[in-house]
Amino acid sequence: MDAALAGHGIALLSDWLVAEPLGKRQLLRVLPEVRAQGFPIHAVWQKNQHLSAKVRCVVDLLAERFVPKAPWEVMLKK
């Protein structure tokens, strides 16, 4: 982001990272139709170990919030 802020070109950055600079007009969105591809999230633990309530809560939240969608669902914005 520092290079983009210094005027050295464009960057593909997360919305949360550039929210403030965009709001302050320090950065300008130049290709709004271009979106970064998502990436997989994996939760790994040993099956024979008991999960603490905190870990189980995080795993459940990830499974709920980051449900994989079929490509046609993404295209149709469902």
Protein backbone atom coordinates (compact mmCIF):
# COMPACT_ATOMS: atom_id res chain seq x y z
CA MET A 1 0.00 0.00 0.00
CA ASP A 2 2.91 2.35 0.69
CA ALA A 3 3.92 2.29 -2.98
CA ALA A 4 0.37 3.11 -4.11
CA LEU A 5 0.11 5.92 -1.54
CA ALA A 6 3.43 7.31 -2.81
CA GLY A 7 2.09 7.38 -6.38
CA HIS A 8 4.23 4.52 -7.70
CA GLY A 9 1.42 2.57 -9.36
CA ILE A 10 -1.73 0.62 -8.62
CA ALA A 11 -2.29 -2.15 -6.10
CA LEU A 12 -4.85 -4.89 -5.47
CA LEU A 13 -5.58 -4.65 -1.75
CA SER A 14 -8.24 -5.78 0.72
CA ASP A 15 -11.21 -3.47 1.22
CA TRP A 16 -10.61 -3.31 4.97
CA LEU A 17 -7.02 -2.22 4.41
CA VAL A 18 -7.83 0.65 2.05
CA ALA A 19 -11.10 1.87 3.60
CA GLU A 20 -9.46 4.77 5.42
CA PRO A 21 -7.17 5.94 2.56
CA LEU A 22 -10.13 5.74 0.15
CA GLY A 23 -12.28 7.76 2.54
CA LYS A 24 -9.55 10.39 2.87
CA ARG A 25 -9.12 10.40 -0.93
CA GLN A 26 -5.49 9.37 -0.53
CA LEU A 27 -6.24 6.46 -2.88
CA LEU A 28 -8.61 6.21 -5.83
CA ARG A 29 -10.38 3.03 -6.96
CA VAL A 30 -9.41 2.70 -10.63
CA LEU A 31 -10.67 -0.78 -11.62
CA PRO A 32 -13.77 -1.44 -9.49
CA GLU A 33 -14.77 -4.44 -11.63
CA VAL A 34 -11.55 -6.28 -10.78
CA ARG A 35 -11.87 -8.42 -7.65
CA ALA A 36 -9.28 -10.63 -6.00
CA GLN A 37 -9.95 -14.35 -5.93
CA GLY A 38 -10.77 -15.86 -2.60
CA PHE A 39 -8.55 -18.33 -0.84
CA PRO A 40 -9.31 -21.47 1.15
CA ILE A 41 -9.46 -21.49 4.92
CA HIS A 42 -8.57 -24.72 6.71
CA ALA A 43 -9.12 -25.66 10.34
CA VAL A 44 -6.96 -28.64 11.29
CA TRP A 45 -6.97 -30.59 14.55
CA GLN A 46 -6.44 -34.16 15.73
CA LYS A 47 -9.63 -36.19 15.68
CA ASN A 48 -8.76 -37.91 18.95
CA GLN A 49 -8.30 -34.67 20.87
CA HIS A 50 -11.07 -32.82 22.65
CA LEU A 51 -11.64 -29.32 21.27
CA SER A 52 -11.97 -26.52 23.78
CA ALA A 53 -15.19 -24.52 23.66
CA LYS A 54 -13.30 -21.53 22.21
CA VAL A 55 -11.79 -23.56 19.37
CA ARG A 56 -15.13 -25.27 18.61
CA CYS A 57 -16.80 -21.84 18.49
CA VAL A 58 -14.21 -20.52 16.00
CA VAL A 59 -14.49 -23.63 13.81
CA ASP A 60 -18.29 -23.37 13.81
CA LEU A 61 -18.12 -19.66 12.95
CA LEU A 62 -15.72 -20.30 10.06
CA ALA A 63 -17.93 -23.09 8.72
CA GLU A 64 -21.00 -20.84 8.91
CA ARG A 65 -19.49 -17.65 7.48
CA PHE A 66 -17.22 -19.09 4.82
CA VAL A 67 -19.46 -21.65 3.19
CA PRO A 68 -18.06 -22.58 -0.22
CA LYS A 69 -20.31 -21.47 -3.04
CA ALA A 70 -20.64 -23.00 -6.46
CA PRO A 71 -19.27 -20.81 -9.29
CA TRP A 72 -22.77 -20.20 -10.68
CA GLU A 73 -23.98 -19.00 -7.27
CA VAL A 74 -21.15 -16.47 -7.15
CA MET A 75 -21.96 -15.31 -10.70
CA LEU A 76 -25.64 -14.92 -9.78
CA LYS A 77 -24.67 -13.24 -6.47
CA LYS A 78 -26.79 -15.56 -4.34
